[in-house]
Amino acid sequence: MKPDSRGAAQSTLVVGISVVTLLVLAVFIIVFITRKIDQRELDKGQSQLIAEAGLTQALEKINANPSWIDGFLNVKYREGVYSVAIEKVSDSVFKAISTGINNGAKTVIVCTYKLEKTDNTIKPRQLSMELQ
């Protein structure tokens, strides 16, 4: 073998190893990012379920006692927490705002309801539900 061809073979080998290394590294990065995205989507879905659970609890309290406005603060549910706040919009219109948090993912659901008097009892009537 000539000295020039040995140097060319070494250069080709170094370039080949570098290319393979970069390809392997790219695959690892893609897998890592994909797993992060998948986990974030799962956490977001769980945070919505948690917010829905908080809103369900609040609406049950409101149905039992329409004047209930205490809300909930950092109630553990599954692997996350929910908080519910009640805001007065007008004399008879209120908003129940439920926030679910799971591994940093957060979902807010707002339920607007109106208190109406029927048959000498005050009952809530849902006006709208909004996922924020």
C-alpha atoms as a PDB file:
ATOM      1  CA  MET A   1       0.000   0.000   0.000  1.00  0.00           C
ATOM      2  CA  LYS A   2       1.213   3.450  -0.803  1.00  0.00           C
ATOM      3  CA  PRO A   3       1.519   5.981   2.036  1.00  0.00           C
ATOM      4  CA  ASP A   4      -1.053   8.280   0.370  1.00  0.00           C
ATOM      5  CA  SER A   5      -3.709   5.577   0.110  1.00  0.00           C
ATOM      6  CA  ARG A   6      -3.286   4.668   3.797  1.00  0.00           C
ATOM      7  CA  GLY A   7      -3.975   8.292   4.794  1.00  0.00           C
ATOM      8  CA  ALA A   8      -6.992   8.408   2.523  1.00  0.00           C
ATOM      9  CA  ALA A   9      -8.353   5.191   4.065  1.00  0.00           C
ATOM     10  CA  GLN A  10      -7.895   6.602   7.575  1.00  0.00           C
ATOM     11  CA  SER A  11      -9.667   9.834   6.630  1.00  0.00           C
ATOM     12  CA  THR A  12     -12.543   7.897   5.094  1.00  0.00           C
ATOM     13  CA  LEU A  13     -12.794   5.749   8.230  1.00  0.00           C
ATOM     14  CA  VAL A  14     -12.834   8.813  10.517  1.00  0.00           C
ATOM     15  CA  VAL A  15     -15.522  10.472   8.386  1.00  0.00           C
ATOM     16  CA  GLY A  16     -17.563   7.247   8.347  1.00  0.00           C
ATOM     17  CA  ILE A  17     -17.378   6.838  12.130  1.00  0.00           C
ATOM     18  CA  SER A  18     -18.314  10.508  12.589  1.00  0.00           C
ATOM     19  CA  VAL A  19     -21.368  10.122  10.340  1.00  0.00           C
ATOM     20  CA  VAL A  20     -22.526   6.980  12.145  1.00  0.00           C
ATOM     21  CA  THR A  21     -22.020   8.683  15.528  1.00  0.00           C
ATOM     22  CA  LEU A  22     -24.072  11.691  14.414  1.00  0.00           C
ATOM     23  CA  LEU A  23     -26.864   9.442  13.130  1.00  0.00           C
ATOM     24  CA  VAL A  24     -27.010   7.500  16.399  1.00  0.00           C
ATOM     25  CA  LEU A  25     -27.026  10.752  18.368  1.00  0.00           C
ATOM     26  CA  ALA A  26     -29.833  12.139  16.162  1.00  0.00           C
ATOM     27  CA  VAL A  27     -31.934   9.008  16.790  1.00  0.00           C
ATOM     28  CA  PHE A  28     -31.442   9.335  20.560  1.00  0.00           C
ATOM     29  CA  ILE A  29     -32.448  13.016  20.451  1.00  0.00           C
ATOM     30  CA  ILE A  30     -35.579  12.253  18.403  1.00  0.00           C
ATOM     31  CA  VAL A  31     -36.608   9.452  20.781  1.00  0.00           C
ATOM     32  CA  PHE A  32     -36.004  11.686  23.820  1.00  0.00           C
ATOM     33  CA  ILE A  33     -38.023  14.599  22.395  1.00  0.00           C
ATOM     34  CA  THR A  34     -40.856  12.300  21.302  1.00  0.00           C
ATOM     35  CA  ARG A  35     -41.087  10.803  24.787  1.00  0.00           C
ATOM     36  CA  LYS A  36     -41.158  14.293  26.337  1.00  0.00           C
ATOM     37  CA  ILE A  37     -43.971  15.366  24.000  1.00  0.00           C
ATOM     38  CA  ASP A  38     -45.946  12.190  24.737  1.00  0.00           C
ATOM     39  CA  GLN A  39     -45.517  12.705  28.486  1.00  0.00           C
ATOM     40  CA  ARG A  40     -46.608  16.344  28.220  1.00  0.00           C
ATOM     41  CA  GLU A  41     -49.768  15.285  26.350  1.00  0.00           C
ATOM     42  CA  LEU A  42     -50.531  12.647  28.993  1.00  0.00           C
ATOM     43  CA  ASP A  43     -50.015  15.187  31.781  1.00  0.00           C
ATOM     44  CA  LYS A  44     -52.289  17.686  30.014  1.00  0.00           C
ATOM     45  CA  GLY A  45     -55.007  15.039  29.652  1.00  0.00           C
ATOM     46  CA  GLN A  46     -54.681  14.123  33.314  1.00  0.00           C
ATOM     47  CA  SER A  47     -54.838  17.782  34.359  1.00  0.00           C
ATOM     48  CA  GLN A  48     -58.132  18.104  32.462  1.00  0.00           C
ATOM     49  CA  LEU A  49     -59.546  15.031  34.228  1.00  0.00           C
ATOM     50  CA  ILE A  50     -58.444  16.506  37.553  1.00  0.00           C
ATOM     51  CA  ALA A  51     -60.071  19.880  36.764  1.00  0.00           C
ATOM     52  CA  GLU A  52     -63.281  18.072  35.762  1.00  0.00           C
ATOM     53  CA  ALA A  53     -63.257  16.167  39.062  1.00  0.00           C
ATOM     54  CA  GLY A  54     -62.920  19.424  40.985  1.00  0.00           C
ATOM     55  CA  LEU A  55     -65.733  21.024  39.018  1.00  0.00           C
ATOM     56  CA  THR A  56     -67.953  17.983  39.602  1.00  0.00           C
ATOM     57  CA  GLN A  57     -67.370  18.231  43.356  1.00  0.00           C
ATOM     58  CA  ALA A  58     -68.113  21.968  43.315  1.00  0.00           C
ATOM     59  CA  LEU A  59     -71.323  21.536  41.299  1.00  0.00           C
ATOM     60  CA  GLU A  60     -72.500  18.854  43.722  1.00  0.00           C
ATOM     61  CA  LYS A  61     -71.914  21.288  46.620  1.00  0.00           C
ATOM     62  CA  ILE A  62     -73.727  24.069  44.730  1.00  0.00           C
ATOM     63  CA  ASN A  63     -76.709  21.788  43.978  1.00  0.00           C
ATOM     64  CA  ALA A  64     -76.940  20.851  47.653  1.00  0.00           C
ATOM     65  CA  ASN A  65     -76.453  24.436  48.862  1.00  0.00           C
ATOM     66  CA  PRO A  66     -76.796  27.146  46.172  1.00  0.00           C
ATOM     67  CA  SER A  67     -75.242  29.779  48.430  1.00  0.00           C
ATOM     68  CA  TRP A  68     -71.985  27.753  48.738  1.00  0.00           C
ATOM     69  CA  ILE A  69     -69.052  29.905  47.612  1.00  0.00           C
ATOM     70  CA  ASP A  70     -66.154  28.482  49.658  1.00  0.00           C
ATOM     71  CA  GLY A  71     -64.438  26.642  46.807  1.00  0.00           C
ATOM     72  CA  PHE A  72     -61.578  24.184  47.243  1.00  0.00           C
ATOM     73  CA  LEU A  73     -57.847  24.760  47.502  1.00  0.00           C
ATOM     74  CA  ASN A  74     -55.174  22.237  46.453  1.00  0.00           C
ATOM     75  CA  VAL A  75     -57.240  19.080  46.869  1.00  0.00           C
ATOM     76  CA  LYS A  76     -55.206  15.970  46.010  1.00  0.00           C
ATOM     77  CA  TYR A  77     -56.724  13.895  43.241  1.00  0.00           C
ATOM     78  CA  ARG A  78     -54.885  11.032  41.545  1.00  0.00           C
ATOM     79  CA  GLU A  79     -51.326  12.315  41.009  1.00  0.00           C
ATOM     80  CA  GLY A  80     -52.294  15.983  40.891  1.00  0.00           C
ATOM     81  CA  VAL A  81     -54.340  18.639  42.635  1.00  0.00           C
ATOM     82  CA  TYR A  82     -57.365  20.770  41.891  1.00  0.00           C
ATOM     83  CA  SER A  83     -58.597  24.091  43.171  1.00  0.00           C
ATOM     84  CA  VAL A  84     -62.028  25.591  42.586  1.00  0.00           C
ATOM     85  CA  ALA A  85     -62.928  29.248  43.069  1.00  0.00           C
ATOM     86  CA  ILE A  86     -66.432  30.712  42.914  1.00  0.00           C
ATOM     87  CA  GLU A  87     -66.733  34.225  41.466  1.00  0.00           C
ATOM     88  CA  LYS A  88     -69.844  36.368  41.573  1.00  0.00           C
ATOM     89  CA  VAL A  89     -70.591  37.888  38.145  1.00  0.00           C
ATOM     90  CA  SER A  90     -73.894  39.565  39.088  1.00  0.00           C
ATOM     91  CA  ASP A  91     -76.617  39.173  41.712  1.00  0.00           C
ATOM     92  CA  SER A  92     -77.638  35.753  40.429  1.00  0.00           C
ATOM     93  CA  VAL A  93     -74.845  34.722  38.017  1.00  0.00           C
ATOM     94  CA  PHE A  94     -71.693  32.987  39.239  1.00  0.00           C
ATOM     95  CA  LYS A  95     -68.628  31.295  37.789  1.00  0.00           C
ATOM     96  CA  ALA A  96     -67.094  28.119  39.163  1.00  0.00           C
ATOM     97  CA  ILE A  97     -63.447  28.103  38.017  1.00  0.00           C
ATOM     98  CA  SER A  98     -61.734  24.734  38.377  1.00  0.00           C
ATOM     99  CA  THR A  99     -57.983  24.372  37.893  1.00  0.00           C
ATOM    100  CA  GLY A 100     -56.372  20.956  37.584  1.00  0.00           C
ATOM    101  CA  ILE A 101     -52.595  20.523  37.801  1.00  0.00           C
ATOM    102  CA  ASN A 102     -50.609  17.384  37.026  1.00  0.00           C
ATOM    103  CA  ASN A 103     -46.783  17.341  36.727  1.00  0.00           C
ATOM    104  CA  GLY A 104     -46.716  21.013  35.763  1.00  0.00           C
ATOM    105  CA  ALA A 105     -49.502  20.713  33.174  1.00  0.00           C
ATOM    106  CA  LYS A 106     -52.479  22.944  33.979  1.00  0.00           C
ATOM    107  CA  THR A 107     -56.086  22.989  32.747  1.00  0.00           C
ATOM    108  CA  VAL A 108     -58.755  25.521  33.680  1.00  0.00           C
ATOM    109  CA  ILE A 109     -62.486  24.902  33.222  1.00  0.00           C
ATOM    110  CA  VAL A 110     -65.008  27.681  33.808  1.00  0.00           C
ATOM    111  CA  CYS A 111     -68.670  26.881  34.439  1.00  0.00           C
ATOM    112  CA  THR A 112     -71.067  29.822  34.472  1.00  0.00           C
ATOM    113  CA  TYR A 113     -74.341  29.225  36.301  1.00  0.00           C
ATOM    114  CA  LYS A 114     -77.357  31.218  37.381  1.00  0.00           C
ATOM    115  CA  LEU A 115     -79.336  30.836  40.588  1.00  0.00           C
ATOM    116  CA  GLU A 116     -83.051  30.747  39.840  1.00  0.00           C
ATOM    117  CA  LYS A 117     -86.012  30.600  42.163  1.00  0.00           C
ATOM    118  CA  THR A 118     -88.503  27.891  41.286  1.00  0.00           C
ATOM    119  CA  ASP A 119     -91.200  26.501  43.586  1.00  0.00           C
ATOM    120  CA  ASN A 120     -89.892  28.632  46.464  1.00  0.00           C
ATOM    121  CA  THR A 121     -86.435  27.041  46.230  1.00  0.00           C
ATOM    122  CA  ILE A 122     -83.276  28.430  44.696  1.00  0.00           C
ATOM    123  CA  LYS A 123     -81.576  26.105  42.222  1.00  0.00           C
ATOM    124  CA  PRO A 124     -78.543  26.571  39.998  1.00  0.00           C
ATOM    125  CA  ARG A 125     -78.914  26.376  36.226  1.00  0.00           C
ATOM    126  CA  GLN A 126     -75.820  25.912  34.097  1.00  0.00           C
ATOM    127  CA  LEU A 127     -75.397  28.607  31.449  1.00  0.00           C
ATOM    128  CA  SER A 128     -72.087  27.642  29.880  1.00  0.00           C
ATOM    129  CA  MET A 129     -68.950  25.532  30.258  1.00  0.00           C
ATOM    130  CA  GLU A 130     -65.613  26.613  28.820  1.00  0.00           C
ATOM    131  CA  LEU A 131     -62.242  24.889  28.674  1.00  0.00           C
ATOM    132  CA  GLN A 132     -59.434  27.408  28.803  1.00  0.00           C
END
